[in-house]
C-alpha atoms as a PDB file:
ATOM      1  CA  MET A   1     -38.739 -76.307 -37.017  1.00  0.00           C
ATOM      2  CA  LYS A   2     -38.466 -72.544 -36.963  1.00  0.00           C
ATOM      3  CA  ARG A   3     -35.305 -70.492 -36.902  1.00  0.00           C
ATOM      4  CA  SER A   4     -35.609 -68.356 -33.797  1.00  0.00           C
ATOM      5  CA  ILE A   5     -34.840 -67.870 -30.148  1.00  0.00           C
ATOM      6  CA  LEU A   6     -38.096 -69.697 -29.480  1.00  0.00           C
ATOM      7  CA  GLY A   7     -37.473 -72.428 -31.983  1.00  0.00           C
ATOM      8  CA  VAL A   8     -33.710 -72.999 -31.928  1.00  0.00           C
ATOM      9  CA  LEU A   9     -32.579 -71.794 -28.524  1.00  0.00           C
ATOM     10  CA  LEU A  10     -35.496 -73.771 -27.256  1.00  0.00           C
ATOM     11  CA  VAL A  11     -35.635 -76.607 -29.635  1.00  0.00           C
ATOM     12  CA  LEU A  12     -38.235 -77.409 -27.044  1.00  0.00           C
ATOM     13  CA  THR A  13     -39.765 -79.039 -29.165  1.00  0.00           C
ATOM     14  CA  PHE A  14     -48.349 -86.403 -20.204  1.00  0.00           C
ATOM     15  CA  VAL A  15     -50.044 -89.363 -16.655  1.00  0.00           C
ATOM     16  CA  ALA A  16     -48.644 -86.724 -14.229  1.00  0.00           C
ATOM     17  CA  VAL A  17     -45.960 -87.258 -11.615  1.00  0.00           C
ATOM     18  CA  GLY A  18     -46.015 -85.063  -8.538  1.00  0.00           C
ATOM     19  CA  ILE A  19     -42.758 -83.365  -7.619  1.00  0.00           C
ATOM     20  CA  ALA A  20     -41.578 -83.196  -4.021  1.00  0.00           C
ATOM     21  CA  ALA A  21     -44.526 -83.555  -1.640  1.00  0.00           C
ATOM     22  CA  ALA A  22     -47.170 -82.451  -4.137  1.00  0.00           C
ATOM     23  CA  PRO A  23     -50.251 -84.704  -4.255  1.00  0.00           C
ATOM     24  CA  PRO A  24     -50.687 -86.486  -7.592  1.00  0.00           C
ATOM     25  CA  LEU A  25     -52.778 -84.964 -10.345  1.00  0.00           C
ATOM     26  CA  LYS A  26     -54.582 -86.983 -12.981  1.00  0.00           C
ATOM     27  CA  ILE A  27     -53.711 -85.694 -16.430  1.00  0.00           C
ATOM     28  CA  THR A  28     -55.324 -87.105 -19.552  1.00  0.00           C
ATOM     29  CA  PHE A  29     -53.525 -86.713 -22.878  1.00  0.00           C
ATOM     30  CA  SER A  30     -54.781 -86.730 -26.436  1.00  0.00           C
ATOM     31  CA  ASP A  31     -52.899 -86.135 -29.681  1.00  0.00           C
ATOM     32  CA  VAL A  32     -53.807 -83.139 -31.832  1.00  0.00           C
ATOM     33  CA  HIS A  33     -53.656 -83.429 -35.623  1.00  0.00           C
ATOM     34  CA  ALA A  34     -54.738 -80.499 -37.778  1.00  0.00           C
ATOM     35  CA  LYS A  35     -55.266 -82.854 -40.729  1.00  0.00           C
ATOM     36  CA  SER A  36     -54.709 -86.540 -41.298  1.00  0.00           C
ATOM     37  CA  THR A  37     -52.228 -85.603 -44.035  1.00  0.00           C
ATOM     38  CA  ALA A  38     -50.255 -83.119 -41.916  1.00  0.00           C
ATOM     39  CA  LEU A  39     -46.597 -84.015 -41.426  1.00  0.00           C
ATOM     40  CA  GLU A  40     -46.547 -82.175 -38.093  1.00  0.00           C
ATOM     41  CA  THR A  41     -48.963 -80.240 -35.903  1.00  0.00           C
ATOM     42  CA  ASP A  42     -47.610 -77.742 -33.364  1.00  0.00           C
ATOM     43  CA  THR A  43     -49.940 -76.604 -30.571  1.00  0.00           C
ATOM     44  CA  TYR A  44     -48.828 -73.540 -28.612  1.00  0.00           C
ATOM     45  CA  GLY A  45     -51.814 -71.718 -27.114  1.00  0.00           C
ATOM     46  CA  VAL A  46     -55.286 -72.586 -25.823  1.00  0.00           C
ATOM     47  CA  ASN A  47     -58.091 -70.277 -24.683  1.00  0.00           C
ATOM     48  CA  ASN A  48     -60.866 -70.934 -22.181  1.00  0.00           C
ATOM     49  CA  ALA A  49     -63.186 -72.206 -24.909  1.00  0.00           C
ATOM     50  CA  GLY A  50     -60.596 -74.845 -25.766  1.00  0.00           C
ATOM     51  CA  ALA A  51     -59.598 -73.312 -29.114  1.00  0.00           C
ATOM     52  CA  ILE A  52     -55.981 -74.154 -29.935  1.00  0.00           C
ATOM     53  CA  ALA A  53     -53.516 -71.860 -31.704  1.00  0.00           C
ATOM     54  CA  GLY A  54     -50.433 -73.115 -33.515  1.00  0.00           C
ATOM     55  CA  ASP A  55     -49.421 -74.332 -36.938  1.00  0.00           C
ATOM     56  CA  TYR A  56     -49.231 -77.430 -39.100  1.00  0.00           C
ATOM     57  CA  VAL A  57     -46.986 -78.600 -41.908  1.00  0.00           C
ATOM     58  CA  ASP A  58     -48.841 -79.967 -44.930  1.00  0.00           C
ATOM     59  CA  SER A  59     -47.865 -82.889 -47.161  1.00  0.00           C
ATOM     60  CA  ASN A  60     -45.790 -80.504 -49.304  1.00  0.00           C
ATOM     61  CA  SER A  61     -43.745 -79.451 -46.252  1.00  0.00           C
ATOM     62  CA  VAL A  62     -45.329 -75.970 -46.185  1.00  0.00           C
ATOM     63  CA  GLN A  63     -46.203 -74.496 -42.801  1.00  0.00           C
ATOM     64  CA  HIS A  64     -49.598 -72.860 -42.141  1.00  0.00           C
ATOM     65  CA  GLY A  65     -50.967 -71.024 -39.136  1.00  0.00           C
ATOM     66  CA  MET A  66     -54.033 -72.569 -37.535  1.00  0.00           C
ATOM     67  CA  ILE A  67     -56.842 -72.083 -35.058  1.00  0.00           C
ATOM     68  CA  LEU A  68     -58.420 -75.413 -34.137  1.00  0.00           C
ATOM     69  CA  ALA A  69     -61.767 -75.221 -32.335  1.00  0.00           C
ATOM     70  CA  GLY A  70     -62.931 -78.753 -31.686  1.00  0.00           C
ATOM     71  CA  LYS A  71     -62.882 -80.343 -35.130  1.00  0.00           C
ATOM     72  CA  LYS A  72     -63.161 -77.016 -36.954  1.00  0.00           C
ATOM     73  CA  LEU A  73     -59.819 -76.066 -38.484  1.00  0.00           C
ATOM     74  CA  THR A  74     -59.158 -72.516 -39.641  1.00  0.00           C
ATOM     75  CA  THR A  75     -56.065 -72.370 -41.830  1.00  0.00           C
ATOM     76  CA  ILE A  76     -54.357 -68.967 -41.856  1.00  0.00           C
ATOM     77  CA  ASN A  77     -51.707 -67.814 -44.294  1.00  0.00           C
ATOM     78  CA  ASN A  78     -49.893 -64.534 -44.816  1.00  0.00           C
ATOM     79  CA  LYS A  79     -48.279 -63.642 -48.137  1.00  0.00           C
ATOM     80  CA  ALA A  80     -45.543 -61.775 -46.278  1.00  0.00           C
ATOM     81  CA  CYS A  81     -44.287 -65.040 -44.747  1.00  0.00           C
ATOM     82  CA  ALA A  82     -41.561 -67.284 -46.087  1.00  0.00           C
ATOM     83  CA  ALA A  83     -42.616 -70.923 -46.180  1.00  0.00           C
ATOM     84  CA  ILE A  84     -40.006 -73.198 -47.697  1.00  0.00           C
ATOM     85  CA  ALA A  85     -39.721 -76.792 -46.466  1.00  0.00           C
ATOM     86  CA  GLY A  86     -41.462 -75.912 -43.212  1.00  0.00           C
ATOM     87  CA  PHE A  87     -39.147 -73.038 -42.275  1.00  0.00           C
ATOM     88  CA  GLY A  88     -40.196 -69.453 -41.678  1.00  0.00           C
ATOM     89  CA  GLY A  89     -43.905 -70.089 -42.109  1.00  0.00           C
ATOM     90  CA  ILE A  90     -46.628 -68.524 -40.024  1.00  0.00           C
ATOM     91  CA  SER A  91     -47.461 -69.777 -36.533  1.00  0.00           C
ATOM     92  CA  PHE A  92     -49.589 -68.585 -33.618  1.00  0.00           C
ATOM     93  CA  TYR A  93     -48.502 -68.899 -29.998  1.00  0.00           C
ATOM     94  CA  GLY A  94     -51.333 -67.351 -28.005  1.00  0.00           C
ATOM     95  CA  VAL A  95     -55.088 -66.953 -28.438  1.00  0.00           C
ATOM     96  CA  ASN A  96     -57.538 -65.025 -26.250  1.00  0.00           C
ATOM     97  CA  THR A  97     -61.218 -65.611 -25.484  1.00  0.00           C
ATOM     98  CA  LYS A  98     -62.246 -63.412 -28.427  1.00  0.00           C
ATOM     99  CA  GLY A  99     -60.272 -65.605 -30.804  1.00  0.00           C
ATOM    100  CA  ALA A 100     -57.550 -63.025 -31.484  1.00  0.00           C
ATOM    101  CA  ALA A 101     -54.228 -64.807 -31.977  1.00  0.00           C
ATOM    102  CA  ALA A 102     -50.657 -63.550 -31.558  1.00  0.00           C
ATOM    103  CA  GLY A 103     -47.935 -64.961 -33.779  1.00  0.00           C
ATOM    104  CA  TRP A 104     -45.076 -64.339 -36.169  1.00  0.00           C
ATOM    105  CA  CYS A 105     -43.252 -65.583 -39.231  1.00  0.00           C
ATOM    106  CA  THR A 106     -40.109 -64.835 -41.216  1.00  0.00           C
ATOM    107  CA  SER A 107     -40.456 -62.151 -43.879  1.00  0.00           C
ATOM    108  CA  VAL A 108     -40.090 -63.426 -47.420  1.00  0.00           C
ATOM    109  CA  LYS A 109     -38.571 -60.041 -48.373  1.00  0.00           C
ATOM    110  CA  THR A 110     -36.190 -59.184 -45.544  1.00  0.00           C
ATOM    111  CA  GLY A 111     -35.545 -62.478 -43.799  1.00  0.00           C
ATOM    112  CA  LEU A 112     -36.433 -60.811 -40.476  1.00  0.00           C
ATOM    113  CA  ASP A 113     -39.080 -62.066 -38.057  1.00  0.00           C
ATOM    114  CA  ILE A 114     -42.362 -60.166 -38.331  1.00  0.00           C
ATOM    115  CA  ALA A 115     -45.076 -60.332 -35.681  1.00  0.00           C
ATOM    116  CA  PHE A 116     -48.796 -59.673 -35.750  1.00  0.00           C
ATOM    117  CA  VAL A 117     -52.177 -60.179 -34.164  1.00  0.00           C
ATOM    118  CA  TYR A 118     -54.741 -61.964 -36.309  1.00  0.00           C
ATOM    119  CA  SER A 119     -58.398 -61.157 -35.639  1.00  0.00           C
ATOM    120  CA  GLY A 120     -61.529 -61.096 -37.774  1.00  0.00           C
ATOM    121  CA  GLY A 121     -59.629 -62.241 -40.833  1.00  0.00           C
ATOM    122  CA  LYS A 122     -57.143 -59.358 -40.638  1.00  0.00           C
ATOM    123  CA  PHE A 123     -53.507 -58.997 -39.587  1.00  0.00           C
ATOM    124  CA  LYS A 124     -52.401 -56.138 -37.352  1.00  0.00           C
ATOM    125  CA  PRO A 125     -48.601 -55.728 -37.246  1.00  0.00           C
ATOM    126  CA  VAL A 126     -46.639 -55.850 -33.996  1.00  0.00           C
ATOM    127  CA  ASN A 127     -43.227 -54.311 -34.555  1.00  0.00           C
ATOM    128  CA  PHE A 128     -40.999 -53.208 -31.695  1.00  0.00           C
ATOM    129  CA  PRO A 129     -39.508 -49.841 -32.726  1.00  0.00           C
ATOM    130  CA  LYS A 130     -36.067 -49.977 -34.366  1.00  0.00           C
ATOM    131  CA  SER A 131     -35.793 -53.732 -33.831  1.00  0.00           C
ATOM    132  CA  SER A 132     -34.178 -56.308 -36.099  1.00  0.00           C
ATOM    133  CA  GLY A 133     -37.163 -58.615 -35.876  1.00  0.00           C
ATOM    134  CA  THR A 134     -40.137 -59.149 -33.556  1.00  0.00           C
ATOM    135  CA  GLN A 135     -41.902 -62.302 -32.325  1.00  0.00           C
ATOM    136  CA  ALA A 136     -45.324 -62.119 -30.633  1.00  0.00           C
ATOM    137  CA  THR A 137     -46.179 -65.069 -28.400  1.00  0.00           C
ATOM    138  CA  GLY A 138     -48.821 -64.003 -25.887  1.00  0.00           C
ATOM    139  CA  ILE A 139     -52.090 -62.078 -25.868  1.00  0.00           C
ATOM    140  CA  ASN A 140     -54.707 -61.527 -23.155  1.00  0.00           C
ATOM    141  CA  ASP A 141     -58.382 -60.632 -23.328  1.00  0.00           C
ATOM    142  CA  LYS A 142     -57.542 -56.915 -23.257  1.00  0.00           C
ATOM    143  CA  GLY A 143     -55.470 -57.298 -26.406  1.00  0.00           C
ATOM    144  CA  GLU A 144     -52.154 -56.733 -24.597  1.00  0.00           C
ATOM    145  CA  VAL A 145     -49.348 -58.506 -26.444  1.00  0.00           C
ATOM    146  CA  VAL A 146     -45.972 -59.848 -25.306  1.00  0.00           C
ATOM    147  CA  GLY A 147     -43.015 -61.507 -26.990  1.00  0.00           C
ATOM    148  CA  LEU A 148     -39.437 -60.741 -27.888  1.00  0.00           C
ATOM    149  CA  TYR A 149     -37.490 -58.547 -30.259  1.00  0.00           C
ATOM    150  CA  LEU A 150     -33.922 -58.618 -31.548  1.00  0.00           C
ATOM    151  CA  ASP A 151     -31.608 -55.622 -31.336  1.00  0.00           C
ATOM    152  CA  SER A 152     -28.942 -54.687 -33.885  1.00  0.00           C
ATOM    153  CA  THR A 153     -26.464 -57.123 -32.309  1.00  0.00           C
ATOM    154  CA  GLY A 154     -28.893 -60.041 -32.475  1.00  0.00           C
ATOM    155  CA  ALA A 155     -29.535 -60.120 -28.721  1.00  0.00           C
ATOM    156  CA  SER A 156     -33.130 -60.733 -27.668  1.00  0.00           C
ATOM    157  CA  HIS A 157     -35.208 -58.645 -25.276  1.00  0.00           C
ATOM    158  CA  GLY A 158     -38.713 -59.219 -24.038  1.00  0.00           C
ATOM    159  CA  PHE A 159     -41.447 -56.681 -24.664  1.00  0.00           C
ATOM    160  CA  SER A 160     -45.023 -55.831 -23.879  1.00  0.00           C
ATOM    161  CA  LYS A 161     -47.410 -53.845 -26.044  1.00  0.00           C
ATOM    162  CA  ILE A 162     -50.351 -52.118 -24.379  1.00  0.00           C
ATOM    163  CA  GLY A 163     -52.353 -50.102 -26.851  1.00  0.00           C
ATOM    164  CA  ALA A 164     -49.748 -48.369 -28.991  1.00  0.00           C
ATOM    165  CA  LYS A 165     -47.081 -48.334 -26.236  1.00  0.00           C
ATOM    166  CA  TYR A 166     -44.148 -50.753 -26.392  1.00  0.00           C
ATOM    167  CA  THR A 167     -42.089 -51.491 -23.287  1.00  0.00           C
ATOM    168  CA  SER A 168     -38.791 -53.396 -23.316  1.00  0.00           C
ATOM    169  CA  ILE A 169     -38.255 -56.130 -20.705  1.00  0.00           C
ATOM    170  CA  ASP A 170     -34.832 -57.324 -19.522  1.00  0.00           C
ATOM    171  CA  VAL A 171     -33.608 -59.425 -16.613  1.00  0.00           C
ATOM    172  CA  LYS A 172     -30.714 -57.661 -14.895  1.00  0.00           C
ATOM    173  CA  GLY A 173     -27.539 -59.720 -15.006  1.00  0.00           C
ATOM    174  CA  ASP A 174     -28.947 -62.164 -17.577  1.00  0.00           C
ATOM    175  CA  THR A 175     -28.952 -62.135 -21.377  1.00  0.00           C
ATOM    176  CA  ASN A 176     -31.368 -63.050 -24.173  1.00  0.00           C
ATOM    177  CA  THR A 177     -34.547 -62.177 -22.328  1.00  0.00           C
ATOM    178  CA  ALA A 178     -37.906 -63.266 -23.763  1.00  0.00           C
ATOM    179  CA  ALA A 179     -41.481 -62.710 -22.619  1.00  0.00           C
ATOM    180  CA  TRP A 180     -43.880 -65.535 -23.440  1.00  0.00           C
ATOM    181  CA  GLY A 181     -47.384 -65.140 -21.986  1.00  0.00           C
ATOM    182  CA  VAL A 182     -49.609 -62.555 -20.322  1.00  0.00           C
ATOM    183  CA  ASN A 183     -52.776 -63.015 -18.267  1.00  0.00           C
ATOM    184  CA  ASN A 184     -55.684 -60.632 -17.815  1.00  0.00           C
ATOM    185  CA  ALA A 185     -54.063 -59.051 -14.744  1.00  0.00           C
ATOM    186  CA  GLY A 186     -51.109 -58.069 -16.908  1.00  0.00           C
ATOM    187  CA  GLN A 187     -48.703 -60.552 -15.300  1.00  0.00           C
ATOM    188  CA  ILE A 188     -46.044 -61.641 -17.784  1.00  0.00           C
ATOM    189  CA  THR A 189     -43.938 -64.800 -17.874  1.00  0.00           C
ATOM    190  CA  VAL A 190     -40.284 -64.046 -18.632  1.00  0.00           C
ATOM    191  CA  TYR A 191     -37.201 -66.206 -19.118  1.00  0.00           C
ATOM    192  CA  ALA A 192     -33.545 -65.416 -19.800  1.00  0.00           C
ATOM    193  CA  THR A 193     -30.083 -66.988 -19.842  1.00  0.00           C
ATOM    194  CA  ASN A 194     -27.842 -66.578 -16.807  1.00  0.00           C
ATOM    195  CA  ALA A 195     -24.049 -66.381 -16.576  1.00  0.00           C
ATOM    196  CA  ALA A 196     -23.795 -70.186 -16.323  1.00  0.00           C
ATOM    197  CA  GLY A 197     -25.744 -70.583 -19.563  1.00  0.00           C
ATOM    198  CA  ALA A 198     -28.830 -71.998 -17.811  1.00  0.00           C
ATOM    199  CA  PHE A 199     -32.377 -70.671 -18.127  1.00  0.00           C
ATOM    200  CA  ASP A 200     -33.860 -68.454 -15.404  1.00  0.00           C
ATOM    201  CA  SER A 201     -37.611 -67.858 -15.279  1.00  0.00           C
ATOM    202  CA  PHE A 202     -39.790 -65.228 -13.652  1.00  0.00           C
ATOM    203  CA  LEU A 203     -43.300 -63.891 -13.279  1.00  0.00           C
ATOM    204  CA  LEU A 204     -43.330 -60.134 -13.881  1.00  0.00           C
ATOM    205  CA  THR A 205     -46.002 -58.237 -11.951  1.00  0.00           C
ATOM    206  CA  GLY A 206     -45.753 -54.527 -12.576  1.00  0.00           C
ATOM    207  CA  LYS A 207     -42.003 -53.943 -12.242  1.00  0.00           C
ATOM    208  CA  LYS A 208     -41.357 -56.833  -9.849  1.00  0.00           C
ATOM    209  CA  LEU A 209     -39.815 -60.103 -11.050  1.00  0.00           C
ATOM    210  CA  LYS A 210     -40.607 -63.202  -8.983  1.00  0.00           C
ATOM    211  CA  LYS A 211     -38.346 -66.212  -9.581  1.00  0.00           C
ATOM    212  CA  ILE A 212     -40.027 -69.339 -10.935  1.00  0.00           C
ATOM    213  CA  ASP A 213     -37.685 -72.284 -10.372  1.00  0.00           C
ATOM    214  CA  ASN A 214     -38.666 -75.918 -10.896  1.00  0.00           C
ATOM    215  CA  PRO A 215     -36.851 -77.852  -8.133  1.00  0.00           C
ATOM    216  CA  ASN A 216     -35.910 -80.648 -10.543  1.00  0.00           C
ATOM    217  CA  ALA A 217     -34.246 -78.325 -13.056  1.00  0.00           C
ATOM    218  CA  GLY A 218     -30.481 -78.516 -13.545  1.00  0.00           C
ATOM    219  CA  LYS A 219     -28.206 -75.529 -13.075  1.00  0.00           C
ATOM    220  CA  ALA A 220     -25.607 -76.120 -15.799  1.00  0.00           C
ATOM    221  CA  SER A 221     -25.449 -74.614 -19.272  1.00  0.00           C
ATOM    222  CA  GLY A 222     -28.467 -75.558 -21.374  1.00  0.00           C
ATOM    223  CA  GLN A 223     -30.450 -76.620 -18.312  1.00  0.00           C
ATOM    224  CA  GLY A 224     -32.851 -74.708 -16.069  1.00  0.00           C
ATOM    225  CA  THR A 225     -36.497 -73.636 -16.079  1.00  0.00           C
ATOM    226  CA  ILE A 226     -38.436 -72.020 -18.897  1.00  0.00           C
ATOM    227  CA  VAL A 227     -41.861 -70.484 -18.239  1.00  0.00           C
ATOM    228  CA  HIS A 228     -44.628 -70.412 -20.800  1.00  0.00           C
ATOM    229  CA  ALA A 229     -48.275 -69.586 -20.098  1.00  0.00           C
ATOM    230  CA  PRO A 230     -49.748 -67.957 -16.968  1.00  0.00           C
ATOM    231  CA  ASN A 231     -53.494 -68.378 -16.578  1.00  0.00           C
ATOM    232  CA  ASN A 232     -55.854 -66.126 -14.631  1.00  0.00           C
ATOM    233  CA  LYS A 233     -55.949 -68.359 -11.536  1.00  0.00           C
ATOM    234  CA  GLY A 234     -52.289 -68.373 -10.540  1.00  0.00           C
ATOM    235  CA  ASP A 235     -51.200 -71.440 -12.490  1.00  0.00           C
ATOM    236  CA  ILE A 236     -48.188 -71.514 -14.835  1.00  0.00           C
ATOM    237  CA  ASP A 237     -46.745 -74.148 -17.140  1.00  0.00           C
ATOM    238  CA  GLY A 238     -43.478 -74.520 -19.005  1.00  0.00           C
ATOM    239  CA  THR A 239     -40.508 -76.749 -19.733  1.00  0.00           C
ATOM    240  CA  TYR A 240     -37.411 -77.641 -17.747  1.00  0.00           C
ATOM    241  CA  TYR A 241     -34.122 -79.442 -18.324  1.00  0.00           C
ATOM    242  CA  ASP A 242     -32.903 -81.639 -15.478  1.00  0.00           C
ATOM    243  CA  GLY A 243     -29.308 -82.313 -14.413  1.00  0.00           C
ATOM    244  CA  SER A 244     -28.964 -84.936 -17.147  1.00  0.00           C
ATOM    245  CA  GLY A 245     -30.295 -82.610 -19.822  1.00  0.00           C
ATOM    246  CA  ASN A 246     -33.671 -84.362 -20.090  1.00  0.00           C
ATOM    247  CA  GLU A 247     -36.494 -82.119 -21.311  1.00  0.00           C
ATOM    248  CA  LYS A 248     -39.850 -82.257 -19.515  1.00  0.00           C
ATOM    249  CA  GLY A 249     -43.001 -80.212 -19.320  1.00  0.00           C
ATOM    250  CA  TRP A 250     -44.241 -78.939 -16.000  1.00  0.00           C
ATOM    251  CA  LEU A 251     -47.243 -77.361 -14.321  1.00  0.00           C
ATOM    252  CA  ARG A 252     -47.209 -75.224 -11.188  1.00  0.00           C
ATOM    253  CA  HIS A 253     -50.602 -75.541  -9.521  1.00  0.00           C
ATOM    254  CA  ALA A 254     -51.499 -74.366  -5.998  1.00  0.00           C
ATOM    255  CA  GLY A 255     -47.810 -73.601  -5.433  1.00  0.00           C
ATOM    256  CA  LYS A 256     -46.652 -77.148  -6.264  1.00  0.00           C
ATOM    257  CA  TYR A 257     -44.697 -78.354  -9.309  1.00  0.00           C
ATOM    258  CA  TYR A 258     -45.811 -81.354 -11.346  1.00  0.00           C
ATOM    259  CA  ASP A 259     -44.098 -83.104 -14.207  1.00  0.00           C
ATOM    260  CA  VAL A 260     -46.131 -83.071 -17.411  1.00  0.00           C
ATOM    261  CA  VAL A 261     -44.768 -85.799 -19.663  1.00  0.00           C
ATOM    262  CA  ASP A 262     -46.711 -87.258 -22.557  1.00  0.00           C
ATOM    263  CA  PRO A 263     -46.376 -91.053 -22.814  1.00  0.00           C
ATOM    264  CA  GLY A 264     -44.978 -90.440 -26.310  1.00  0.00           C
ATOM    265  CA  GLY A 265     -41.686 -89.106 -24.942  1.00  0.00           C
ATOM    266  CA  ILE A 266     -39.785 -85.792 -24.823  1.00  0.00           C
ATOM    267  CA  THR A 267     -42.365 -83.181 -23.864  1.00  0.00           C
ATOM    268  CA  ARG A 268     -42.791 -79.408 -23.924  1.00  0.00           C
ATOM    269  CA  ALA A 269     -45.778 -77.711 -22.225  1.00  0.00           C
ATOM    270  CA  ASP A 270     -46.779 -74.422 -23.862  1.00  0.00           C
ATOM    271  CA  GLY A 271     -50.371 -73.207 -23.569  1.00  0.00           C
ATOM    272  CA  LEU A 272     -52.549 -73.207 -20.443  1.00  0.00           C
ATOM    273  CA  ASN A 273     -56.070 -71.962 -19.789  1.00  0.00           C
ATOM    274  CA  ASP A 274     -58.167 -71.370 -16.678  1.00  0.00           C
ATOM    275  CA  LYS A 275     -59.661 -74.877 -16.874  1.00  0.00           C
ATOM    276  CA  LEU A 276     -56.187 -76.414 -16.473  1.00  0.00           C
ATOM    277  CA  GLU A 277     -56.166 -77.554 -20.078  1.00  0.00           C
ATOM    278  CA  MET A 278     -52.647 -77.554 -21.515  1.00  0.00           C
ATOM    279  CA  VAL A 279     -51.280 -77.860 -25.021  1.00  0.00           C
ATOM    280  CA  GLY A 280     -47.764 -78.521 -26.215  1.00  0.00           C
ATOM    281  CA  ARG A 281     -45.687 -80.984 -28.185  1.00  0.00           C
ATOM    282  CA  TYR A 282     -43.843 -84.233 -27.731  1.00  0.00           C
ATOM    283  CA  GLY A 283     -41.235 -85.851 -29.927  1.00  0.00           C
ATOM    284  CA  SER A 284     -38.273 -84.387 -31.763  1.00  0.00           C
ATOM    285  CA  GLY A 285     -39.976 -81.921 -34.117  1.00  0.00           C
ATOM    286  CA  MET A 286     -38.983 -81.213 -37.738  1.00  0.00           C
ATOM    287  CA  PHE A 287     -41.893 -83.339 -38.919  1.00  0.00           C
ATOM    288  CA  GLY A 288     -41.412 -85.820 -36.089  1.00  0.00           C
ATOM    289  CA  GLY A 289     -43.216 -83.868 -33.375  1.00  0.00           C
ATOM    290  CA  THR A 290     -46.844 -84.290 -32.330  1.00  0.00           C
ATOM    291  CA  GLY A 291     -49.142 -81.759 -30.712  1.00  0.00           C
ATOM    292  CA  PHE A 292     -51.129 -82.741 -27.633  1.00  0.00           C
ATOM    293  CA  LYS A 293     -53.907 -81.482 -25.415  1.00  0.00           C
ATOM    294  CA  ALA A 294     -53.778 -82.420 -21.738  1.00  0.00           C
ATOM    295  CA  THR A 295     -56.589 -82.052 -19.222  1.00  0.00           C
ATOM    296  CA  VAL A 296     -56.007 -81.949 -15.465  1.00  0.00           C
ATOM    297  CA  LYS A 297     -58.507 -83.452 -13.061  1.00  0.00           C
END
């Protein structure tokens, strides 16, 4: 739905099945609809109170940012954002326990991606220095922000922002690096594209990258493992493409990988909190996708 590394490269757009010898987990799924009239609801982040961050597309095909806490919907718009036929509108990808949300949109003036943190009714810009566009996708309880930025050639690099300091993140030997989520310990989920054109994923702790590799992921171009949210208890979720190119959500819990596939079909797992509540989407997107919330027992 959105033009971006996160939306196009990952047109990424759940009953759980254990992988390998992992014991089964019981996962309960429920659809998330911002409004009954919404053409599409996209759910990307969830905090420990269960508040969901994302966006929805209204009946006029205009995209709006949202925070959904139970049945209470907060609709968030930014005049700086383009919003034509669902493209370029505002969306939020991460939300912390204080309700501060990290997100981005496409500038109506420049056509570049602009990122921000929304808190207390105000927008605070997140702009990697000298970049050609910035996307913010993760925020922890300390207010540390992660995401990606584009350089002058259009290549993407991950970044972290701690206070006023920006730090670039790249995976050596890979291209198009992106950071997605950050937990309270400062651990960052990172993915990139390798020489074969497949996705590599990592957990960055300090300066050390630890490989995150779903055993069912394919190795060919367009396949591989993509990480999304790390919680504060060592769990991570994401999406993978198998050897046939099928897209599936996944959860790594207690060192084991589990498929996370909504009964509705093609599934992407995005947000994850400390209660093992996940949010994401299933379906094809572009007004055909549906947001979900999944609870692990």
